[in-house]
């Protein structure tokens, strides 16, 4: 991986312009801010700029500055599906502030901000006796990230409950909140058509009424299952999407990939579709291990696995001859 050439004057001027545009007390801009600590892998380099934005008005103001510079923009939530290059991200990473973390429950309707944590929403809705969002209790991401990836688990996904999404496109100088019906997002298995510059600021969910005891019991079962079957520590959850009718973890295990290591990265011995990153490790090692695992599965007669992990500043995984 090559190190990015720097232009300190350009980024300093852009940082000053962004900072001057932001008004909310919780909004801020920082230069060369490490992104690794903002991901669950805990590896990777800095963003040229990181803007934390704590109001819709500030999102619009930031968009007007960024559009004039045509700079790449990356929305960052909890980073639970991101692998950031060791060289970092040559653009502006945007984080939504706590104003966007509110969760409101009215009957079976739930309105949540884009930076609301999925386990928080799961527990709030279960406490209200609502069913259909229990799967999210074990997903360490945000509502915005869940829309982007159509997150899910345990036989359910976000698309089933999603009724409305409010998006602000930071690549649009006329950025304003736009309501998007779920059908317009082309939600599928761990995907949507949202672009990296599109910030999910709010969602509306419609859940099913139920008994508080049943909902909280389901939460407990999911938490226990994840503790039993999935590793903790620095990882980004499932690395590869499950092929239709099969499991990526099973395929990797059957090919002999469990415990496979490249440098500071290792295929989990607890679940073969997880990669663990050593403390102080390298994103390049995680990327190389992803590549090696795909090749191993193909060499054993399996399909070419497609990554769920979003690569930031890293090249796409290469094609593998079958």
C-alpha atoms as a PDB file:
ATOM      1  CA  UNK A   1       0.000   0.000   0.000  1.00  0.00           C
ATOM      2  CA  UNK A   2       1.483   3.364  -0.982  1.00  0.00           C
ATOM      3  CA  UNK A   3       1.601   6.345   1.330  1.00  0.00           C
ATOM      4  CA  UNK A   4      -0.506   9.279   0.172  1.00  0.00           C
ATOM      5  CA  UNK A   5       1.235  12.483  -0.881  1.00  0.00           C
ATOM      6  CA  UNK A   6       0.311  15.313   1.440  1.00  0.00           C
ATOM      7  CA  UNK A   7      -0.629  18.894   0.628  1.00  0.00           C
ATOM      8  CA  UNK A   8      -0.748  20.498   4.086  1.00  0.00           C
ATOM      9  CA  UNK A   9      -1.774  23.921   2.824  1.00  0.00           C
ATOM     10  CA  UNK A  10      -4.779  22.549   0.961  1.00  0.00           C
ATOM     11  CA  UNK A  11      -6.036  20.553   3.937  1.00  0.00           C
ATOM     12  CA  UNK A  12      -5.339  23.333   6.417  1.00  0.00           C
ATOM     13  CA  UNK A  13      -7.308  25.798   4.283  1.00  0.00           C
ATOM     14  CA  UNK A  14     -10.171  23.321   3.887  1.00  0.00           C
ATOM     15  CA  UNK A  15     -10.194  22.658   7.642  1.00  0.00           C
ATOM     16  CA  UNK A  16     -10.433  26.392   8.317  1.00  0.00           C
ATOM     17  CA  UNK A  17     -13.298  26.751   5.813  1.00  0.00           C
ATOM     18  CA  UNK A  18     -15.184  23.812   7.330  1.00  0.00           C
ATOM     19  CA  UNK A  19     -14.674  25.060  10.892  1.00  0.00           C
ATOM     20  CA  UNK A  20     -15.901  28.532   9.921  1.00  0.00           C
ATOM     21  CA  UNK A  21     -19.082  27.027   8.439  1.00  0.00           C
ATOM     22  CA  UNK A  22     -20.051  25.007  11.509  1.00  0.00           C
ATOM     23  CA  UNK A  23     -22.163  26.617  14.217  1.00  0.00           C
ATOM     24  CA  UNK A  24     -23.461  23.928  16.600  1.00  0.00           C
ATOM     25  CA  UNK A  25     -21.530  23.700  19.898  1.00  0.00           C
ATOM     26  CA  UNK A  26     -20.869  19.996  19.327  1.00  0.00           C
ATOM     27  CA  UNK A  27     -19.520  20.403  15.781  1.00  0.00           C
ATOM     28  CA  UNK A  28     -15.765  20.412  15.172  1.00  0.00           C
ATOM     29  CA  UNK A  29     -13.060  19.748  12.567  1.00  0.00           C
ATOM     30  CA  UNK A  30      -9.711  18.044  13.128  1.00  0.00           C
ATOM     31  CA  UNK A  31      -6.747  17.507  10.800  1.00  0.00           C
ATOM     32  CA  UNK A  32      -5.109  14.065  10.358  1.00  0.00           C
ATOM     33  CA  UNK A  33      -7.454  12.452  12.853  1.00  0.00           C
ATOM     34  CA  UNK A  34      -6.800   8.708  13.403  1.00  0.00           C
ATOM     35  CA  UNK A  35      -9.632   6.541  12.088  1.00  0.00           C
ATOM     36  CA  UNK A  36      -8.409   3.195  13.421  1.00  0.00           C
ATOM     37  CA  UNK A  37      -9.660   3.876  16.973  1.00  0.00           C
ATOM     38  CA  UNK A  38     -13.065   4.717  15.469  1.00  0.00           C
ATOM     39  CA  UNK A  39     -13.375   1.226  13.977  1.00  0.00           C
ATOM     40  CA  UNK A  40     -13.866  -2.124  15.680  1.00  0.00           C
ATOM     41  CA  UNK A  41     -10.717  -3.501  14.005  1.00  0.00           C
ATOM     42  CA  UNK A  42      -8.744  -0.729  15.775  1.00  0.00           C
ATOM     43  CA  UNK A  43      -6.273  -0.560  12.877  1.00  0.00           C
ATOM     44  CA  UNK A  44      -5.742   1.935  10.059  1.00  0.00           C
ATOM     45  CA  UNK A  45      -4.438   5.428   9.508  1.00  0.00           C
ATOM     46  CA  UNK A  46      -5.896   8.934   9.720  1.00  0.00           C
ATOM     47  CA  UNK A  47      -8.420  10.877   7.688  1.00  0.00           C
ATOM     48  CA  UNK A  48      -7.070  14.087   6.187  1.00  0.00           C
ATOM     49  CA  UNK A  49      -9.927  15.801   7.982  1.00  0.00           C
ATOM     50  CA  UNK A  50     -12.542  14.542  10.406  1.00  0.00           C
ATOM     51  CA  UNK A  51     -15.683  16.607  10.913  1.00  0.00           C
ATOM     52  CA  UNK A  52     -18.022  15.851  13.785  1.00  0.00           C
ATOM     53  CA  UNK A  53     -21.351  17.461  12.938  1.00  0.00           C
ATOM     54  CA  UNK A  54     -24.108  17.958  15.487  1.00  0.00           C
ATOM     55  CA  UNK A  55     -26.955  19.615  13.571  1.00  0.00           C
ATOM     56  CA  UNK A  56     -28.738  19.277  10.244  1.00  0.00           C
ATOM     57  CA  UNK A  57     -27.922  22.913   9.465  1.00  0.00           C
ATOM     58  CA  UNK A  58     -24.227  22.179   9.953  1.00  0.00           C
ATOM     59  CA  UNK A  59     -24.461  19.203   7.599  1.00  0.00           C
ATOM     60  CA  UNK A  60     -25.768  21.542   4.904  1.00  0.00           C
ATOM     61  CA  UNK A  61     -23.082  24.135   5.634  1.00  0.00           C
ATOM     62  CA  UNK A  62     -20.377  21.466   5.496  1.00  0.00           C
ATOM     63  CA  UNK A  63     -21.749  20.163   2.204  1.00  0.00           C
ATOM     64  CA  UNK A  64     -21.488  23.599   0.626  1.00  0.00           C
ATOM     65  CA  UNK A  65     -17.811  23.828   1.569  1.00  0.00           C
ATOM     66  CA  UNK A  66     -16.951  20.296   0.492  1.00  0.00           C
ATOM     67  CA  UNK A  67     -18.793  20.512  -2.838  1.00  0.00           C
ATOM     68  CA  UNK A  68     -16.627  23.480  -3.838  1.00  0.00           C
ATOM     69  CA  UNK A  69     -13.501  21.353  -3.280  1.00  0.00           C
ATOM     70  CA  UNK A  70     -14.817  18.078  -4.783  1.00  0.00           C
ATOM     71  CA  UNK A  71     -13.185  16.230  -1.882  1.00  0.00           C
ATOM     72  CA  UNK A  72     -14.018  12.561  -1.142  1.00  0.00           C
ATOM     73  CA  UNK A  73     -16.394  12.156   1.797  1.00  0.00           C
ATOM     74  CA  UNK A  74     -16.854   9.128   4.044  1.00  0.00           C
ATOM     75  CA  UNK A  75     -19.581   8.726   6.658  1.00  0.00           C
ATOM     76  CA  UNK A  76     -18.285   6.970   9.776  1.00  0.00           C
ATOM     77  CA  UNK A  77     -20.502   5.522  12.487  1.00  0.00           C
ATOM     78  CA  UNK A  78     -19.049   2.961  14.895  1.00  0.00           C
ATOM     79  CA  UNK A  79     -16.802   1.612  12.140  1.00  0.00           C
ATOM     80  CA  UNK A  80     -18.035  -1.927  12.764  1.00  0.00           C
ATOM     81  CA  UNK A  81     -17.758  -2.894   9.102  1.00  0.00           C
ATOM     82  CA  UNK A  82     -14.839  -0.683   8.001  1.00  0.00           C
ATOM     83  CA  UNK A  83     -11.225  -1.608   7.261  1.00  0.00           C
ATOM     84  CA  UNK A  84      -9.214   1.606   6.897  1.00  0.00           C
ATOM     85  CA  UNK A  85      -5.877   1.503   5.071  1.00  0.00           C
ATOM     86  CA  UNK A  86      -2.718   2.003   7.100  1.00  0.00           C
ATOM     87  CA  UNK A  87      -2.127   5.099   4.946  1.00  0.00           C
ATOM     88  CA  UNK A  88      -5.559   6.375   5.984  1.00  0.00           C
ATOM     89  CA  UNK A  89      -8.317   8.075   4.021  1.00  0.00           C
ATOM     90  CA  UNK A  90      -7.482  10.872   1.612  1.00  0.00           C
ATOM     91  CA  UNK A  91     -10.625  12.859   2.234  1.00  0.00           C
ATOM     92  CA  UNK A  92     -13.064  14.081   4.865  1.00  0.00           C
ATOM     93  CA  UNK A  93     -14.555  11.602   7.321  1.00  0.00           C
ATOM     94  CA  UNK A  94     -17.847  12.784   8.809  1.00  0.00           C
ATOM     95  CA  UNK A  95     -19.215  11.639  12.159  1.00  0.00           C
ATOM     96  CA  UNK A  96     -22.715  12.502  13.358  1.00  0.00           C
ATOM     97  CA  UNK A  97     -22.798  13.965  16.866  1.00  0.00           C
ATOM     98  CA  UNK A  98     -25.015  13.071  19.838  1.00  0.00           C
ATOM     99  CA  UNK A  99     -27.930  15.191  18.588  1.00  0.00           C
ATOM    100  CA  UNK A 100     -28.487  12.422  16.033  1.00  0.00           C
ATOM    101  CA  UNK A 101     -28.592   9.657  18.667  1.00  0.00           C
ATOM    102  CA  UNK A 102     -32.134  10.273  19.951  1.00  0.00           C
ATOM    103  CA  UNK A 103     -34.645   7.390  20.015  1.00  0.00           C
ATOM    104  CA  UNK A 104     -38.398   7.992  20.378  1.00  0.00           C
ATOM    105  CA  UNK A 105     -41.023   5.253  20.723  1.00  0.00           C
ATOM    106  CA  UNK A 106     -44.717   5.980  20.121  1.00  0.00           C
ATOM    107  CA  UNK A 107     -46.923   2.908  19.982  1.00  0.00           C
ATOM    108  CA  UNK A 108     -45.312   0.542  17.501  1.00  0.00           C
ATOM    109  CA  UNK A 109     -43.513   3.355  15.646  1.00  0.00           C
ATOM    110  CA  UNK A 110     -39.867   4.136  16.419  1.00  0.00           C
ATOM    111  CA  UNK A 111     -37.978   7.219  15.227  1.00  0.00           C
ATOM    112  CA  UNK A 112     -34.203   7.007  15.683  1.00  0.00           C
ATOM    113  CA  UNK A 113     -31.337   9.267  14.726  1.00  0.00           C
ATOM    114  CA  UNK A 114     -28.579   8.115  12.424  1.00  0.00           C
ATOM    115  CA  UNK A 115     -25.966   7.889  15.179  1.00  0.00           C
ATOM    116  CA  UNK A 116     -28.217   5.932  17.573  1.00  0.00           C
ATOM    117  CA  UNK A 117     -26.545   2.680  18.581  1.00  0.00           C
ATOM    118  CA  UNK A 118     -28.312  -0.475  17.426  1.00  0.00           C
ATOM    119  CA  UNK A 119     -28.107  -2.253  20.819  1.00  0.00           C
ATOM    120  CA  UNK A 120     -29.648   0.831  22.463  1.00  0.00           C
ATOM    121  CA  UNK A 121     -32.547   0.833  19.987  1.00  0.00           C
ATOM    122  CA  UNK A 122     -33.003  -2.917  20.466  1.00  0.00           C
ATOM    123  CA  UNK A 123     -33.198  -2.602  24.242  1.00  0.00           C
ATOM    124  CA  UNK A 124     -35.465   0.469  24.155  1.00  0.00           C
ATOM    125  CA  UNK A 125     -37.931  -1.230  21.826  1.00  0.00           C
ATOM    126  CA  UNK A 126     -37.890  -4.487  23.793  1.00  0.00           C
ATOM    127  CA  UNK A 127     -38.588  -2.550  26.993  1.00  0.00           C
ATOM    128  CA  UNK A 128     -41.665  -1.142  25.210  1.00  0.00           C
ATOM    129  CA  UNK A 129     -42.801  -4.664  24.342  1.00  0.00           C
ATOM    130  CA  UNK A 130     -42.036  -4.276  20.633  1.00  0.00           C
ATOM    131  CA  UNK A 131     -40.852  -7.198  18.538  1.00  0.00           C
ATOM    132  CA  UNK A 132     -38.839  -7.356  15.319  1.00  0.00           C
ATOM    133  CA  UNK A 133     -35.650  -5.523  16.311  1.00  0.00           C
ATOM    134  CA  UNK A 134     -34.156  -7.978  18.798  1.00  0.00           C
ATOM    135  CA  UNK A 135     -31.509  -9.095  16.273  1.00  0.00           C
ATOM    136  CA  UNK A 136     -29.823  -5.664  16.579  1.00  0.00           C
ATOM    137  CA  UNK A 137     -28.819  -6.112  20.224  1.00  0.00           C
ATOM    138  CA  UNK A 138     -25.598  -7.849  19.221  1.00  0.00           C
ATOM    139  CA  UNK A 139     -24.634  -5.589  16.306  1.00  0.00           C
ATOM    140  CA  UNK A 140     -22.111  -2.927  17.416  1.00  0.00           C
ATOM    141  CA  UNK A 141     -23.094  -0.345  14.816  1.00  0.00           C
ATOM    142  CA  UNK A 142     -25.287   2.699  14.325  1.00  0.00           C
ATOM    143  CA  UNK A 143     -28.694   3.090  12.719  1.00  0.00           C
ATOM    144  CA  UNK A 144     -27.131   4.938   9.780  1.00  0.00           C
ATOM    145  CA  UNK A 145     -24.633   2.166   9.160  1.00  0.00           C
ATOM    146  CA  UNK A 146     -27.401  -0.407   9.448  1.00  0.00           C
ATOM    147  CA  UNK A 147     -29.325   1.296   6.636  1.00  0.00           C
ATOM    148  CA  UNK A 148     -26.215   1.497   4.463  1.00  0.00           C
ATOM    149  CA  UNK A 149     -25.527  -2.237   4.837  1.00  0.00           C
ATOM    150  CA  UNK A 150     -29.097  -3.417   5.471  1.00  0.00           C
ATOM    151  CA  UNK A 151     -27.771  -4.980   8.639  1.00  0.00           C
ATOM    152  CA  UNK A 152     -29.420  -8.021  10.095  1.00  0.00           C
ATOM    153  CA  UNK A 153     -29.047 -11.330  11.831  1.00  0.00           C
ATOM    154  CA  UNK A 154     -30.924 -14.267  13.287  1.00  0.00           C
ATOM    155  CA  UNK A 155     -33.230 -14.467  10.276  1.00  0.00           C
ATOM    156  CA  UNK A 156     -34.208 -10.784  10.168  1.00  0.00           C
ATOM    157  CA  UNK A 157     -32.863  -7.543   8.744  1.00  0.00           C
ATOM    158  CA  UNK A 158     -33.479  -3.814   8.921  1.00  0.00           C
ATOM    159  CA  UNK A 159     -35.474  -3.689   5.681  1.00  0.00           C
ATOM    160  CA  UNK A 160     -38.330  -5.612   7.305  1.00  0.00           C
ATOM    161  CA  UNK A 161     -39.039  -2.807   9.782  1.00  0.00           C
ATOM    162  CA  UNK A 162     -37.856   0.245   7.845  1.00  0.00           C
ATOM    163  CA  UNK A 163     -40.549   2.697   6.765  1.00  0.00           C
ATOM    164  CA  UNK A 164     -38.726   5.978   6.075  1.00  0.00           C
ATOM    165  CA  UNK A 165     -35.149   7.268   5.851  1.00  0.00           C
ATOM    166  CA  UNK A 166     -34.008  10.900   5.984  1.00  0.00           C
ATOM    167  CA  UNK A 167     -30.769  11.469   4.078  1.00  0.00           C
ATOM    168  CA  UNK A 168     -28.465  14.468   3.550  1.00  0.00           C
ATOM    169  CA  UNK A 169     -26.025  14.164   0.634  1.00  0.00           C
ATOM    170  CA  UNK A 170     -22.753  15.875   1.513  1.00  0.00           C
ATOM    171  CA  UNK A 171     -21.642  15.761  -2.115  1.00  0.00           C
ATOM    172  CA  UNK A 172     -24.520  18.083  -3.052  1.00  0.00           C
ATOM    173  CA  UNK A 173     -23.958  21.817  -2.542  1.00  0.00           C
ATOM    174  CA  UNK A 174     -27.740  22.193  -2.132  1.00  0.00           C
ATOM    175  CA  UNK A 175     -27.756  19.501   0.554  1.00  0.00           C
ATOM    176  CA  UNK A 176     -30.997  19.322   2.485  1.00  0.00           C
ATOM    177  CA  UNK A 177     -32.815  16.549   4.342  1.00  0.00           C
ATOM    178  CA  UNK A 178     -34.635  14.303   1.872  1.00  0.00           C
ATOM    179  CA  UNK A 179     -37.123  11.594   2.832  1.00  0.00           C
ATOM    180  CA  UNK A 180     -36.315   8.361   1.034  1.00  0.00           C
ATOM    181  CA  UNK A 181     -38.765   5.444   0.987  1.00  0.00           C
ATOM    182  CA  UNK A 182     -37.000   2.118   1.575  1.00  0.00           C
ATOM    183  CA  UNK A 183     -37.889   0.947  -1.939  1.00  0.00           C
ATOM    184  CA  UNK A 184     -35.666   3.703  -3.349  1.00  0.00           C
ATOM    185  CA  UNK A 185     -32.594   2.346  -1.520  1.00  0.00           C
ATOM    186  CA  UNK A 186     -32.502  -1.040  -3.314  1.00  0.00           C
ATOM    187  CA  UNK A 187     -31.948  -2.815  -0.017  1.00  0.00           C
ATOM    188  CA  UNK A 188     -30.644  -6.354  -0.357  1.00  0.00           C
ATOM    189  CA  UNK A 189     -28.466  -8.791   1.523  1.00  0.00           C
ATOM    190  CA  UNK A 190     -25.956  -6.524   3.292  1.00  0.00           C
ATOM    191  CA  UNK A 191     -26.241  -3.756   0.712  1.00  0.00           C
ATOM    192  CA  UNK A 192     -27.991  -0.569  -0.367  1.00  0.00           C
ATOM    193  CA  UNK A 193     -27.342   2.032  -3.055  1.00  0.00           C
ATOM    194  CA  UNK A 194     -26.473   4.752  -0.539  1.00  0.00           C
ATOM    195  CA  UNK A 195     -23.231   6.498  -1.513  1.00  0.00           C
ATOM    196  CA  UNK A 196     -20.388   7.122   0.963  1.00  0.00           C
ATOM    197  CA  UNK A 197     -21.293  10.834   1.006  1.00  0.00           C
ATOM    198  CA  UNK A 198     -24.940  10.277   1.985  1.00  0.00           C
ATOM    199  CA  UNK A 199     -25.608  10.761   5.685  1.00  0.00           C
ATOM    200  CA  UNK A 200     -28.565   8.915   7.204  1.00  0.00           C
ATOM    201  CA  UNK A 201     -29.814  11.401   9.804  1.00  0.00           C
ATOM    202  CA  UNK A 202     -33.061   9.690  10.853  1.00  0.00           C
ATOM    203  CA  UNK A 203     -35.105   6.548  10.289  1.00  0.00           C
ATOM    204  CA  UNK A 204     -38.655   5.511  11.075  1.00  0.00           C
ATOM    205  CA  UNK A 205     -39.302   1.889  11.992  1.00  0.00           C
ATOM    206  CA  UNK A 206     -42.597   0.045  12.368  1.00  0.00           C
ATOM    207  CA  UNK A 207     -42.405  -2.904  14.759  1.00  0.00           C
ATOM    208  CA  UNK A 208     -44.874  -5.434  16.124  1.00  0.00           C
ATOM    209  CA  UNK A 209     -46.598  -5.110  19.478  1.00  0.00           C
ATOM    210  CA  UNK A 210     -45.817  -7.889  21.916  1.00  0.00           C
ATOM    211  CA  UNK A 211     -45.106  -8.662  25.546  1.00  0.00           C
ATOM    212  CA  UNK A 212     -42.137  -7.048  27.285  1.00  0.00           C
ATOM    213  CA  UNK A 213     -41.110 -10.371  28.825  1.00  0.00           C
ATOM    214  CA  UNK A 214     -41.046 -12.138  25.466  1.00  0.00           C
ATOM    215  CA  UNK A 215     -39.046  -9.361  23.798  1.00  0.00           C
ATOM    216  CA  UNK A 216     -36.480  -9.199  26.593  1.00  0.00           C
ATOM    217  CA  UNK A 217     -36.186 -12.993  26.689  1.00  0.00           C
ATOM    218  CA  UNK A 218     -35.415 -12.951  22.948  1.00  0.00           C
ATOM    219  CA  UNK A 219     -32.724 -10.317  23.574  1.00  0.00           C
ATOM    220  CA  UNK A 220     -31.146 -12.502  26.231  1.00  0.00           C
ATOM    221  CA  UNK A 221     -31.089 -15.518  23.934  1.00  0.00           C
ATOM    222  CA  UNK A 222     -29.396 -13.558  21.148  1.00  0.00           C
ATOM    223  CA  UNK A 223     -26.770 -12.088  23.500  1.00  0.00           C
ATOM    224  CA  UNK A 224     -26.024 -15.548  24.905  1.00  0.00           C
ATOM    225  CA  UNK A 225     -25.789 -17.093  21.422  1.00  0.00           C
ATOM    226  CA  UNK A 226     -23.346 -14.442  20.235  1.00  0.00           C
ATOM    227  CA  UNK A 227     -21.140 -14.837  23.293  1.00  0.00           C
ATOM    228  CA  UNK A 228     -21.068 -18.579  22.748  1.00  0.00           C
ATOM    229  CA  UNK A 229     -20.477 -18.563  18.996  1.00  0.00           C
ATOM    230  CA  UNK A 230     -18.691 -15.347  18.053  1.00  0.00           C
ATOM    231  CA  UNK A 231     -15.361 -13.900  19.192  1.00  0.00           C
ATOM    232  CA  UNK A 232     -14.886 -10.605  20.970  1.00  0.00           C
ATOM    233  CA  UNK A 233     -11.899  -8.342  20.540  1.00  0.00           C
ATOM    234  CA  UNK A 234     -10.803  -6.324  17.503  1.00  0.00           C
ATOM    235  CA  UNK A 235     -12.850  -7.571  14.547  1.00  0.00           C
ATOM    236  CA  UNK A 236     -15.544  -6.299  12.208  1.00  0.00           C
ATOM    237  CA  UNK A 237     -18.011  -9.137  12.478  1.00  0.00           C
ATOM    238  CA  UNK A 238     -18.669 -11.309   9.445  1.00  0.00           C
ATOM    239  CA  UNK A 239     -15.965 -10.667   6.860  1.00  0.00           C
ATOM    240  CA  UNK A 240     -17.676 -12.344   3.904  1.00  0.00           C
ATOM    241  CA  UNK A 241     -21.312 -12.515   2.838  1.00  0.00           C
ATOM    242  CA  UNK A 242     -22.930 -15.935   3.023  1.00  0.00           C
ATOM    243  CA  UNK A 243     -23.403 -17.483  -0.431  1.00  0.00           C
ATOM    244  CA  UNK A 244     -26.977 -18.473  -1.216  1.00  0.00           C
ATOM    245  CA  UNK A 245     -27.774 -21.686   0.621  1.00  0.00           C
ATOM    246  CA  UNK A 246     -24.446 -21.878   2.450  1.00  0.00           C
ATOM    247  CA  UNK A 247     -22.344 -20.271   5.151  1.00  0.00           C
ATOM    248  CA  UNK A 248     -19.083 -18.425   4.566  1.00  0.00           C
ATOM    249  CA  UNK A 249     -17.836 -19.612   7.944  1.00  0.00           C
ATOM    250  CA  UNK A 250     -18.526 -23.247   7.068  1.00  0.00           C
ATOM    251  CA  UNK A 251     -16.762 -22.907   3.705  1.00  0.00           C
ATOM    252  CA  UNK A 252     -13.688 -21.313   5.270  1.00  0.00           C
ATOM    253  CA  UNK A 253     -13.592 -23.926   8.007  1.00  0.00           C
ATOM    254  CA  UNK A 254     -13.973 -26.784   5.525  1.00  0.00           C
ATOM    255  CA  UNK A 255     -11.098 -25.371   3.451  1.00  0.00           C
ATOM    256  CA  UNK A 256      -8.810 -25.385   6.496  1.00  0.00           C
ATOM    257  CA  UNK A 257      -8.850 -21.630   7.076  1.00  0.00           C
ATOM    258  CA  UNK A 258      -9.649 -21.587  10.798  1.00  0.00           C
ATOM    259  CA  UNK A 259      -6.628 -20.132  12.613  1.00  0.00           C
ATOM    260  CA  UNK A 260      -4.936 -19.059   9.356  1.00  0.00           C
ATOM    261  CA  UNK A 261      -2.629 -16.068   9.925  1.00  0.00           C
ATOM    262  CA  UNK A 262      -1.017 -13.331   7.858  1.00  0.00           C
ATOM    263  CA  UNK A 263       1.249 -11.090   9.945  1.00  0.00           C
ATOM    264  CA  UNK A 264      -0.863  -9.400  12.605  1.00  0.00           C
ATOM    265  CA  UNK A 265      -4.223 -10.806  11.411  1.00  0.00           C
ATOM    266  CA  UNK A 266      -5.737 -14.206  12.139  1.00  0.00           C
ATOM    267  CA  UNK A 267      -8.894 -16.066  11.153  1.00  0.00           C
ATOM    268  CA  UNK A 268     -10.774 -16.555  14.406  1.00  0.00           C
ATOM    269  CA  UNK A 269     -10.570 -20.020  15.928  1.00  0.00           C
ATOM    270  CA  UNK A 270     -14.069 -19.499  17.328  1.00  0.00           C
ATOM    271  CA  UNK A 271     -15.820 -18.501  14.091  1.00  0.00           C
ATOM    272  CA  UNK A 272     -14.038 -18.840  10.745  1.00  0.00           C
ATOM    273  CA  UNK A 273     -15.862 -15.899   9.121  1.00  0.00           C
ATOM    274  CA  UNK A 274     -14.283 -13.478  11.611  1.00  0.00           C
ATOM    275  CA  UNK A 275     -10.786 -12.036  11.335  1.00  0.00           C
ATOM    276  CA  UNK A 276      -9.042 -10.846  14.489  1.00  0.00           C
ATOM    277  CA  UNK A 277      -6.539  -7.986  14.342  1.00  0.00           C
ATOM    278  CA  UNK A 278      -3.658  -7.928  16.817  1.00  0.00           C
ATOM    279  CA  UNK A 279      -3.214  -4.858  18.987  1.00  0.00           C
ATOM    280  CA  UNK A 280      -1.078  -2.420  17.034  1.00  0.00           C
ATOM    281  CA  UNK A 281      -1.561  -4.524  13.917  1.00  0.00           C
ATOM    282  CA  UNK A 282      -1.826  -3.632  10.252  1.00  0.00           C
ATOM    283  CA  UNK A 283      -4.843  -3.115   8.024  1.00  0.00           C
ATOM    284  CA  UNK A 284      -2.670  -4.388   5.185  1.00  0.00           C
ATOM    285  CA  UNK A 285      -2.361  -7.723   6.998  1.00  0.00           C
ATOM    286  CA  UNK A 286      -6.151  -7.975   7.393  1.00  0.00           C
ATOM    287  CA  UNK A 287      -6.586  -7.212   3.673  1.00  0.00           C
ATOM    288  CA  UNK A 288      -3.950  -9.801   2.720  1.00  0.00           C
ATOM    289  CA  UNK A 289      -5.615 -12.410   4.930  1.00  0.00           C
ATOM    290  CA  UNK A 290      -9.000 -11.697   3.332  1.00  0.00           C
ATOM    291  CA  UNK A 291      -7.392 -12.296  -0.060  1.00  0.00           C
ATOM    292  CA  UNK A 292      -5.694 -15.494   1.130  1.00  0.00           C
ATOM    293  CA  UNK A 293      -8.937 -16.861   2.593  1.00  0.00           C
ATOM    294  CA  UNK A 294     -10.819 -16.274  -0.659  1.00  0.00           C
ATOM    295  CA  UNK A 295      -8.103 -18.072  -2.598  1.00  0.00           C
ATOM    296  CA  UNK A 296      -8.119 -20.962  -0.148  1.00  0.00           C
ATOM    297  CA  UNK A 297     -11.878 -21.471  -0.471  1.00  0.00           C
ATOM    298  CA  UNK A 298     -11.737 -21.353  -4.277  1.00  0.00           C
ATOM    299  CA  UNK A 299      -8.792 -23.793  -4.318  1.00  0.00           C
ATOM    300  CA  UNK A 300     -10.870 -26.221  -2.238  1.00  0.00           C
ATOM    301  CA  UNK A 301     -13.690 -26.117  -4.792  1.00  0.00           C
ATOM    302  CA  UNK A 302     -15.831 -23.473  -3.102  1.00  0.00           C
ATOM    303  CA  UNK A 303     -17.273 -20.208  -4.478  1.00  0.00           C
ATOM    304  CA  UNK A 304     -15.511 -16.854  -4.574  1.00  0.00           C
ATOM    305  CA  UNK A 305     -16.567 -15.192  -1.336  1.00  0.00           C
ATOM    306  CA  UNK A 306     -17.665 -11.565  -1.514  1.00  0.00           C
ATOM    307  CA  UNK A 307     -16.649  -9.232   1.328  1.00  0.00           C
ATOM    308  CA  UNK A 308     -19.119  -7.600   3.677  1.00  0.00           C
ATOM    309  CA  UNK A 309     -16.284  -5.488   5.058  1.00  0.00           C
ATOM    310  CA  UNK A 310     -16.053  -2.034   3.459  1.00  0.00           C
ATOM    311  CA  UNK A 311     -12.503  -1.240   2.321  1.00  0.00           C
ATOM    312  CA  UNK A 312     -11.444   2.389   2.848  1.00  0.00           C
ATOM    313  CA  UNK A 313      -8.320   3.547   1.045  1.00  0.00           C
ATOM    314  CA  UNK A 314      -7.535  -0.052   0.108  1.00  0.00           C
ATOM    315  CA  UNK A 315      -7.765  -1.666  -3.332  1.00  0.00           C
ATOM    316  CA  UNK A 316     -10.606  -4.086  -4.042  1.00  0.00           C
ATOM    317  CA  UNK A 317      -9.796  -7.716  -3.398  1.00  0.00           C
ATOM    318  CA  UNK A 318      -8.431  -9.219  -6.644  1.00  0.00           C
ATOM    319  CA  UNK A 319     -10.322 -11.694  -8.760  1.00  0.00           C
ATOM    320  CA  UNK A 320      -9.335 -15.333  -8.255  1.00  0.00           C
ATOM    321  CA  UNK A 321      -8.928 -17.781 -11.116  1.00  0.00           C
ATOM    322  CA  UNK A 322     -11.065 -20.864 -10.680  1.00  0.00           C
END
